[in-house]
Structures are given as C-alpha cells and as structure tokens.
PDB file of all heavy atoms in Angstrom:
ATOM      1  N   VAL A   1       2.344  43.098  -3.140  1.00  0.00           N
ATOM      2  CA  VAL A   1       3.734  43.374  -2.754  1.00  0.00           C
ATOM      3  C   VAL A   1       3.842  44.743  -2.086  1.00  0.00           C
ATOM      4  O   VAL A   1       4.595  44.927  -1.128  1.00  0.00           O
ATOM      5  CB  VAL A   1       4.658  43.280  -3.983  1.00  0.00           C
ATOM      6  CG1 VAL A   1       6.036  43.861  -3.688  1.00  0.00           C
ATOM      7  CG2 VAL A   1       4.792  41.832  -4.440  1.00  0.00           C
ATOM      8  N   SER A   2       3.068  45.715  -2.564  1.00  0.00           N
ATOM      9  CA  SER A   2       3.081  47.032  -1.919  1.00  0.00           C
ATOM     10  C   SER A   2       2.559  46.946  -0.489  1.00  0.00           C
ATOM     11  O   SER A   2       3.036  47.656   0.399  1.00  0.00           O
ATOM     12  CB  SER A   2       2.254  48.030  -2.738  1.00  0.00           C
ATOM     13  OG  SER A   2       0.860  47.724  -2.673  1.00  0.00           O
ATOM     14  N   LEU A   3       1.581  46.065  -0.253  1.00  0.00           N
ATOM     15  CA  LEU A   3       1.108  45.854   1.117  1.00  0.00           C
ATOM     16  C   LEU A   3       2.183  45.190   1.967  1.00  0.00           C
ATOM     17  O   LEU A   3       2.361  45.526   3.139  1.00  0.00           O
ATOM     18  CB  LEU A   3      -0.158  44.992   1.108  1.00  0.00           C
ATOM     19  CG  LEU A   3      -1.424  45.608   0.497  1.00  0.00           C
ATOM     20  CD1 LEU A   3      -2.590  44.632   0.615  1.00  0.00           C
ATOM     21  CD2 LEU A   3      -1.780  46.927   1.182  1.00  0.00           C
ATOM     22  N   ALA A   4       2.907  44.219   1.378  1.00  0.00           N
ATOM     23  CA  ALA A   4       3.967  43.529   2.119  1.00  0.00           C
ATOM     24  C   ALA A   4       5.065  44.491   2.534  1.00  0.00           C
ATOM     25  O   ALA A   4       5.671  44.334   3.601  1.00  0.00           O
ATOM     26  CB  ALA A   4       4.539  42.396   1.270  1.00  0.00           C
ATOM     27  N   ARG A   5       5.339  45.502   1.704  1.00  0.00           N
ATOM     28  CA  ARG A   5       6.371  46.483   2.056  1.00  0.00           C
ATOM     29  C   ARG A   5       5.998  47.290   3.286  1.00  0.00           C
ATOM     30  O   ARG A   5       6.880  47.858   3.946  1.00  0.00           O
ATOM     31  CB  ARG A   5       6.613  47.434   0.876  1.00  0.00           C
ATOM     32  CG  ARG A   5       7.415  46.837  -0.256  1.00  0.00           C
ATOM     33  CD  ARG A   5       7.993  47.931  -1.138  1.00  0.00           C
ATOM     34  NE  ARG A   5       6.944  48.706  -1.778  1.00  0.00           N
ATOM     35  CZ  ARG A   5       6.466  48.450  -2.985  1.00  0.00           C
ATOM     36  NH1 ARG A   5       6.948  47.435  -3.685  1.00  0.00           N
ATOM     37  NH2 ARG A   5       5.516  49.193  -3.513  1.00  0.00           N
ATOM     38  N   LYS A   6       4.696  47.350   3.601  1.00  0.00           N
ATOM     39  CA  LYS A   6       4.246  48.158   4.735  1.00  0.00           C
ATOM     40  C   LYS A   6       4.114  47.350   6.024  1.00  0.00           C
ATOM     41  O   LYS A   6       3.669  47.887   7.046  1.00  0.00           O
ATOM     42  CB  LYS A   6       2.901  48.805   4.395  1.00  0.00           C
ATOM     43  CG  LYS A   6       2.965  49.751   3.195  1.00  0.00           C
ATOM     44  CD  LYS A   6       1.598  50.307   2.844  1.00  0.00           C
ATOM     45  CE  LYS A   6       1.649  51.192   1.608  1.00  0.00           C
ATOM     46  NZ  LYS A   6       0.306  51.713   1.227  1.00  0.00           N
ATOM     47  N   LEU A   7       4.479  46.070   5.977  1.00  0.00           N
ATOM     48  CA  LEU A   7       4.400  45.259   7.183  1.00  0.00           C
ATOM     49  C   LEU A   7       5.376  45.783   8.235  1.00  0.00           C
ATOM     50  O   LEU A   7       6.399  46.384   7.900  1.00  0.00           O
ATOM     51  CB  LEU A   7       4.717  43.801   6.864  1.00  0.00           C
ATOM     52  CG  LEU A   7       3.656  43.031   6.060  1.00  0.00           C
ATOM     53  CD1 LEU A   7       4.180  41.656   5.696  1.00  0.00           C
ATOM     54  CD2 LEU A   7       2.365  42.910   6.858  1.00  0.00           C
ATOM     55  N   PRO A   8       5.101  45.549   9.518  1.00  0.00           N
ATOM     56  CA  PRO A   8       6.026  46.005  10.563  1.00  0.00           C
ATOM     57  C   PRO A   8       7.407  45.393  10.380  1.00  0.00           C
ATOM     58  O   PRO A   8       7.536  44.284   9.837  1.00  0.00           O
ATOM     59  CB  PRO A   8       5.358  45.499  11.864  1.00  0.00           C
ATOM     60  CG  PRO A   8       3.914  45.330  11.507  1.00  0.00           C
ATOM     61  CD  PRO A   8       3.886  44.920  10.073  1.00  0.00           C
ATOM     62  N   PRO A   9       8.459  46.093  10.818  1.00  0.00           N
ATOM     63  CA  PRO A   9       9.828  45.566  10.683  1.00  0.00           C
ATOM     64  C   PRO A   9       9.956  44.185  11.320  1.00  0.00           C
ATOM     65  O   PRO A   9       9.445  43.934  12.411  1.00  0.00           O
ATOM     66  CB  PRO A   9      10.673  46.605  11.430  1.00  0.00           C
ATOM     67  CG  PRO A   9       9.868  47.865  11.382  1.00  0.00           C
ATOM     68  CD  PRO A   9       8.432  47.425  11.445  1.00  0.00           C
ATOM     69  N   GLY A  10      10.658  43.292  10.641  1.00  0.00           N
ATOM     70  CA  GLY A  10      10.895  41.960  11.177  1.00  0.00           C
ATOM     71  C   GLY A  10       9.957  40.896  10.654  1.00  0.00           C
ATOM     72  O   GLY A  10      10.265  39.703  10.734  1.00  0.00           O
ATOM     73  N   ARG A  11       8.763  41.294  10.137  1.00  0.00           N
ATOM     74  CA  ARG A  11       7.836  40.283   9.614  1.00  0.00           C
ATOM     75  C   ARG A  11       8.421  39.622   8.365  1.00  0.00           C
ATOM     76  O   ARG A  11       8.404  38.406   8.226  1.00  0.00           O
ATOM     77  CB  ARG A  11       6.490  40.924   9.294  1.00  0.00           C
ATOM     78  CG  ARG A  11       5.756  41.456  10.514  1.00  0.00           C
ATOM     79  CD  ARG A  11       5.286  40.323  11.410  1.00  0.00           C
ATOM     80  NE  ARG A  11       4.561  40.826  12.558  1.00  0.00           N
ATOM     81  CZ  ARG A  11       3.256  41.074  12.563  1.00  0.00           C
ATOM     82  NH1 ARG A  11       2.555  40.869  11.449  1.00  0.00           N
ATOM     83  NH2 ARG A  11       2.661  41.523  13.640  1.00  0.00           N
ATOM     84  N   ILE A  12       8.918  40.427   7.444  1.00  0.00           N
ATOM     85  CA  ILE A  12       9.608  39.936   6.258  1.00  0.00           C
ATOM     86  C   ILE A  12      10.960  40.648   6.214  1.00  0.00           C
ATOM     87  O   ILE A  12      10.998  41.880   6.216  1.00  0.00           O
ATOM     88  CB  ILE A  12       8.826  40.233   4.967  1.00  0.00           C
ATOM     89  CG1 ILE A  12       7.475  39.521   4.975  1.00  0.00           C
ATOM     90  CG2 ILE A  12       9.627  39.796   3.738  1.00  0.00           C
ATOM     91  CD1 ILE A  12       6.627  39.823   3.763  1.00  0.00           C
ATOM     92  N   PRO A  13      12.065  39.904   6.215  1.00  0.00           N
ATOM     93  CA  PRO A  13      13.375  40.569   6.179  1.00  0.00           C
ATOM     94  C   PRO A  13      13.499  41.500   4.979  1.00  0.00           C
ATOM     95  O   PRO A  13      13.170  41.150   3.859  1.00  0.00           O
ATOM     96  CB  PRO A  13      14.357  39.381   6.066  1.00  0.00           C
ATOM     97  CG  PRO A  13      13.621  38.224   6.666  1.00  0.00           C
ATOM     98  CD  PRO A  13      12.171  38.443   6.313  1.00  0.00           C
ATOM     99  N   ARG A  14      13.957  42.719   5.231  1.00  0.00           N
ATOM    100  CA  ARG A  14      14.190  43.726   4.182  1.00  0.00           C
ATOM    101  C   ARG A  14      12.938  43.969   3.348  1.00  0.00           C
ATOM    102  O   ARG A  14      13.000  44.101   2.130  1.00  0.00           O
ATOM    103  CB  ARG A  14      15.349  43.289   3.291  1.00  0.00           C
ATOM    104  CG  ARG A  14      16.648  43.086   4.056  1.00  0.00           C
ATOM    105  CD  ARG A  14      17.781  42.576   3.170  1.00  0.00           C
ATOM    106  NE  ARG A  14      17.567  41.184   2.794  1.00  0.00           N
ATOM    107  CZ  ARG A  14      17.406  40.785   1.553  1.00  0.00           C
ATOM    108  NH1 ARG A  14      17.396  41.654   0.562  1.00  0.00           N
ATOM    109  NH2 ARG A  14      17.244  39.508   1.283  1.00  0.00           N
ATOM    110  N   ALA A  15      11.787  44.028   4.013  1.00  0.00           N
ATOM    111  CA  ALA A  15      10.519  44.168   3.291  1.00  0.00           C
ATOM    112  C   ALA A  15      10.467  45.447   2.471  1.00  0.00           C
ATOM    113  O   ALA A  15       9.851  45.480   1.404  1.00  0.00           O
ATOM    114  CB  ALA A  15       9.353  44.130   4.281  1.00  0.00           C
ATOM    115  N   GLU A  16      11.113  46.499   2.933  1.00  0.00           N
ATOM    116  CA  GLU A  16      11.037  47.777   2.212  1.00  0.00           C
ATOM    117  C   GLU A  16      11.715  47.714   0.849  1.00  0.00           C
ATOM    118  O   GLU A  16      11.531  48.597   0.012  1.00  0.00           O
ATOM    119  CB  GLU A  16      11.672  48.897   3.056  1.00  0.00           C
ATOM    120  CG  GLU A  16      13.175  48.797   3.236  1.00  0.00           C
ATOM    121  CD  GLU A  16      13.581  47.941   4.427  1.00  0.00           C
ATOM    122  OE1 GLU A  16      12.747  47.160   4.910  1.00  0.00           O
ATOM    123  OE2 GLU A  16      14.735  48.069   4.870  1.00  0.00           O
ATOM    124  N   ASP A  17      12.514  46.663   0.622  1.00  0.00           N
ATOM    125  CA  ASP A  17      13.227  46.516  -0.644  1.00  0.00           C
ATOM    126  C   ASP A  17      12.477  45.616  -1.620  1.00  0.00           C
ATOM    127  O   ASP A  17      12.975  45.340  -2.719  1.00  0.00           O
ATOM    128  CB  ASP A  17      14.621  45.935  -0.362  1.00  0.00           C
ATOM    129  CG  ASP A  17      15.605  46.235  -1.478  1.00  0.00           C
ATOM    130  OD1 ASP A  17      15.370  47.209  -2.205  1.00  0.00           O
ATOM    131  OD2 ASP A  17      16.586  45.497  -1.616  1.00  0.00           O
ATOM    132  N   LEU A  18      11.290  45.147  -1.241  1.00  0.00           N
ATOM    133  CA  LEU A  18      10.515  44.267  -2.115  1.00  0.00           C
ATOM    134  C   LEU A  18      10.061  44.999  -3.368  1.00  0.00           C
ATOM    135  O   LEU A  18       9.575  46.131  -3.297  1.00  0.00           O
ATOM    136  CB  LEU A  18       9.274  43.750  -1.375  1.00  0.00           C
ATOM    137  CG  LEU A  18       9.422  42.491  -0.528  1.00  0.00           C
ATOM    138  CD1 LEU A  18       8.145  42.238   0.254  1.00  0.00           C
ATOM    139  CD2 LEU A  18       9.747  41.287  -1.397  1.00  0.00           C
ATOM    140  N   VAL A  19      10.209  44.346  -4.517  1.00  0.00           N
ATOM    141  CA  VAL A  19       9.772  44.938  -5.777  1.00  0.00           C
ATOM    142  C   VAL A  19       9.581  43.827  -6.799  1.00  0.00           C
ATOM    143  O   VAL A  19      10.278  42.803  -6.755  1.00  0.00           O
ATOM    144  CB  VAL A  19      10.806  45.977  -6.291  1.00  0.00           C
ATOM    145  CG1 VAL A  19      12.118  45.304  -6.652  1.00  0.00           C
ATOM    146  CG2 VAL A  19      10.254  46.754  -7.470  1.00  0.00           C
ATOM    147  N   ILE A  20       8.612  43.999  -7.687  1.00  0.00           N
ATOM    148  CA  ILE A  20       8.432  43.066  -8.798  1.00  0.00           C
ATOM    149  C   ILE A  20       9.318  43.564  -9.938  1.00  0.00           C
ATOM    150  O   ILE A  20       8.960  44.501 -10.652  1.00  0.00           O
ATOM    151  CB  ILE A  20       6.956  42.993  -9.230  1.00  0.00           C
ATOM    152  CG1 ILE A  20       6.090  42.493  -8.066  1.00  0.00           C
ATOM    153  CG2 ILE A  20       6.793  42.058 -10.429  1.00  0.00           C
ATOM    154  CD1 ILE A  20       4.621  42.386  -8.409  1.00  0.00           C
ATOM    155  N   ASP A  21      10.469  42.946 -10.093  1.00  0.00           N
ATOM    156  CA  ASP A  21      11.422  43.391 -11.105  1.00  0.00           C
ATOM    157  C   ASP A  21      11.171  42.672 -12.429  1.00  0.00           C
ATOM    158  O   ASP A  21      10.201  41.924 -12.582  1.00  0.00           O
ATOM    159  CB  ASP A  21      12.859  43.187 -10.618  1.00  0.00           C
ATOM    160  CG  ASP A  21      13.133  41.737 -10.238  1.00  0.00           C
ATOM    161  OD1 ASP A  21      12.335  40.848 -10.621  1.00  0.00           O
ATOM    162  OD2 ASP A  21      14.150  41.487  -9.558  1.00  0.00           O
ATOM    163  N   THR A  22      12.068  42.887 -13.385  1.00  0.00           N
ATOM    164  CA  THR A  22      11.884  42.283 -14.710  1.00  0.00           C
ATOM    165  C   THR A  22      11.930  40.763 -14.645  1.00  0.00           C
ATOM    166  O   THR A  22      11.252  40.086 -15.424  1.00  0.00           O
ATOM    167  CB  THR A  22      12.973  42.793 -15.672  1.00  0.00           C
ATOM    168  OG1 THR A  22      14.274  42.578 -15.083  1.00  0.00           O
ATOM    169  CG2 THR A  22      12.796  44.276 -15.946  1.00  0.00           C
ATOM    170  N   ARG A  23      12.730  40.209 -13.726  1.00  0.00           N
ATOM    171  CA  ARG A  23      12.775  38.750 -13.586  1.00  0.00           C
ATOM    172  C   ARG A  23      11.424  38.209 -13.163  1.00  0.00           C
ATOM    173  O   ARG A  23      10.943  37.189 -13.687  1.00  0.00           O
ATOM    174  CB  ARG A  23      13.846  38.353 -12.570  1.00  0.00           C
ATOM    175  CG  ARG A  23      15.263  38.658 -13.029  1.00  0.00           C
ATOM    176  CD  ARG A  23      16.264  38.583 -11.895  1.00  0.00           C
ATOM    177  NE  ARG A  23      16.275  37.280 -11.247  1.00  0.00           N
ATOM    178  CZ  ARG A  23      15.832  37.059 -10.009  1.00  0.00           C
ATOM    179  NH1 ARG A  23      15.311  38.053  -9.301  1.00  0.00           N
ATOM    180  NH2 ARG A  23      15.889  35.882  -9.485  1.00  0.00           N
ATOM    181  N   MET A  24      10.782  38.872 -12.210  1.00  0.00           N
ATOM    182  CA  MET A  24       9.481  38.414 -11.742  1.00  0.00           C
ATOM    183  C   MET A  24       8.405  38.613 -12.814  1.00  0.00           C
ATOM    184  O   MET A  24       7.491  37.800 -12.949  1.00  0.00           O
ATOM    185  CB  MET A  24       9.094  39.167 -10.465  1.00  0.00           C
ATOM    186  CG  MET A  24      10.000  38.862  -9.279  1.00  0.00           C
ATOM    187  SD  MET A  24      10.011  37.102  -8.829  1.00  0.00           S
ATOM    188  CE  MET A  24      11.636  36.627  -9.463  1.00  0.00           C
ATOM    189  N   LEU A  25       8.518  39.703 -13.583  1.00  0.00           N
ATOM    190  CA  LEU A  25       7.576  39.906 -14.682  1.00  0.00           C
ATOM    191  C   LEU A  25       7.728  38.803 -15.731  1.00  0.00           C
ATOM    192  O   LEU A  25       6.737  38.325 -16.297  1.00  0.00           O
ATOM    193  CB  LEU A  25       7.801  41.273 -15.324  1.00  0.00           C
ATOM    194  CG  LEU A  25       7.402  42.494 -14.475  1.00  0.00           C
ATOM    195  CD1 LEU A  25       7.783  43.781 -15.196  1.00  0.00           C
ATOM    196  CD2 LEU A  25       5.908  42.478 -14.189  1.00  0.00           C
ATOM    197  N   ALA A  26       8.972  38.408 -15.988  1.00  0.00           N
ATOM    198  CA  ALA A  26       9.201  37.319 -16.942  1.00  0.00           C
ATOM    199  C   ALA A  26       8.604  36.016 -16.422  1.00  0.00           C
ATOM    200  O   ALA A  26       7.993  35.247 -17.178  1.00  0.00           O
ATOM    201  CB  ALA A  26      10.696  37.157 -17.203  1.00  0.00           C
ATOM    202  N   ILE A  27       8.763  35.761 -15.133  1.00  0.00           N
ATOM    203  CA  ILE A  27       8.183  34.556 -14.538  1.00  0.00           C
ATOM    204  C   ILE A  27       6.664  34.586 -14.646  1.00  0.00           C
ATOM    205  O   ILE A  27       6.020  33.575 -14.966  1.00  0.00           O
ATOM    206  CB  ILE A  27       8.629  34.428 -13.069  1.00  0.00           C
ATOM    207  CG1 ILE A  27      10.115  34.067 -13.008  1.00  0.00           C
ATOM    208  CG2 ILE A  27       7.799  33.382 -12.332  1.00  0.00           C
ATOM    209  CD1 ILE A  27      10.675  34.038 -11.608  1.00  0.00           C
ATOM    210  N   ALA A  28       6.071  35.769 -14.396  1.00  0.00           N
ATOM    211  CA  ALA A  28       4.620  35.889 -14.506  1.00  0.00           C
ATOM    212  C   ALA A  28       4.156  35.632 -15.936  1.00  0.00           C
ATOM    213  O   ALA A  28       3.143  34.950 -16.166  1.00  0.00           O
ATOM    214  CB  ALA A  28       4.170  37.282 -14.048  1.00  0.00           C
ATOM    215  N   ALA A  29       4.909  36.166 -16.925  1.00  0.00           N
ATOM    216  CA  ALA A  29       4.537  35.960 -18.330  1.00  0.00           C
ATOM    217  C   ALA A  29       4.645  34.492 -18.723  1.00  0.00           C
ATOM    218  O   ALA A  29       3.750  33.943 -19.380  1.00  0.00           O
ATOM    219  CB  ALA A  29       5.423  36.821 -19.229  1.00  0.00           C
ATOM    220  N   VAL A  30       5.737  33.844 -18.314  1.00  0.00           N
ATOM    221  CA  VAL A  30       5.912  32.420 -18.635  1.00  0.00           C
ATOM    222  C   VAL A  30       4.849  31.580 -17.938  1.00  0.00           C
ATOM    223  O   VAL A  30       4.295  30.641 -18.533  1.00  0.00           O
ATOM    224  CB  VAL A  30       7.334  31.970 -18.234  1.00  0.00           C
ATOM    225  CG1 VAL A  30       7.465  30.448 -18.361  1.00  0.00           C
ATOM    226  CG2 VAL A  30       8.369  32.650 -19.113  1.00  0.00           C
ATOM    227  N   THR A  31       4.555  31.921 -16.690  1.00  0.00           N
ATOM    228  CA  THR A  31       3.525  31.180 -15.958  1.00  0.00           C
ATOM    229  C   THR A  31       2.169  31.323 -16.639  1.00  0.00           C
ATOM    230  O   THR A  31       1.398  30.359 -16.738  1.00  0.00           O
ATOM    231  CB  THR A  31       3.441  31.685 -14.510  1.00  0.00           C
ATOM    232  OG1 THR A  31       4.727  31.568 -13.889  1.00  0.00           O
ATOM    233  CG2 THR A  31       2.440  30.862 -13.709  1.00  0.00           C
ATOM    234  N   THR A  32       1.870  32.531 -17.119  1.00  0.00           N
ATOM    235  CA  THR A  32       0.616  32.749 -17.839  1.00  0.00           C
ATOM    236  C   THR A  32       0.561  31.895 -19.099  1.00  0.00           C
ATOM    237  O   THR A  32      -0.465  31.272 -19.407  1.00  0.00           O
ATOM    238  CB  THR A  32       0.470  34.236 -18.209  1.00  0.00           C
ATOM    239  OG1 THR A  32       0.479  35.024 -17.008  1.00  0.00           O
ATOM    240  CG2 THR A  32      -0.837  34.480 -18.955  1.00  0.00           C
ATOM    241  N   MET A  33       1.663  31.868 -19.857  1.00  0.00           N
ATOM    242  CA  MET A  33       1.711  31.082 -21.085  1.00  0.00           C
ATOM    243  C   MET A  33       1.535  29.592 -20.781  1.00  0.00           C
ATOM    244  O   MET A  33       0.766  28.893 -21.459  1.00  0.00           O
ATOM    245  CB  MET A  33       3.047  31.321 -21.787  1.00  0.00           C
ATOM    246  CG  MET A  33       3.197  30.597 -23.121  1.00  0.00           C
ATOM    247  SD  MET A  33       2.166  31.336 -24.399  1.00  0.00           S
ATOM    248  CE  MET A  33       2.996  32.925 -24.595  1.00  0.00           C
ATOM    249  N   ILE A  34       2.244  29.103 -19.756  1.00  0.00           N
ATOM    250  CA  ILE A  34       2.129  27.685 -19.405  1.00  0.00           C
ATOM    251  C   ILE A  34       0.715  27.361 -18.954  1.00  0.00           C
ATOM    252  O   ILE A  34       0.150  26.312 -19.298  1.00  0.00           O
ATOM    253  CB  ILE A  34       3.150  27.328 -18.306  1.00  0.00           C
ATOM    254  CG1 ILE A  34       4.575  27.433 -18.867  1.00  0.00           C
ATOM    255  CG2 ILE A  34       2.901  25.925 -17.761  1.00  0.00           C
ATOM    256  CD1 ILE A  34       5.652  27.231 -17.829  1.00  0.00           C
ATOM    257  N   THR A  35       0.117  28.278 -18.185  1.00  0.00           N
ATOM    258  CA  THR A  35      -1.255  28.060 -17.730  1.00  0.00           C
ATOM    259  C   THR A  35      -2.207  27.952 -18.915  1.00  0.00           C
ATOM    260  O   THR A  35      -3.068  27.066 -18.962  1.00  0.00           O
ATOM    261  CB  THR A  35      -1.690  29.214 -16.816  1.00  0.00           C
ATOM    262  OG1 THR A  35      -0.812  29.280 -15.684  1.00  0.00           O
ATOM    263  CG2 THR A  35      -3.112  29.003 -16.316  1.00  0.00           C
TER     264      THR A  35
END
C-alpha cells in the first residue's frame, strides 16, 4: 500500500489517502482465521 501511494497521479484515484485502517486490519484477521 505504501508503494501504491507513490504511484503517479491518476493511476489510482486519491492514492495519497490510501491506508490500512482498523477495518482492513479486522478483515485481514478474519481472513486469516477463515484460512
């Protein structure tokens, strides 16, 4: 995700605002458990 934030403007809309927040961490934890 840190690499995606450095992509040139326009590749990913609002790329500079990308972050793994608590929601994404929860998804990662649940995905790990299901796996």
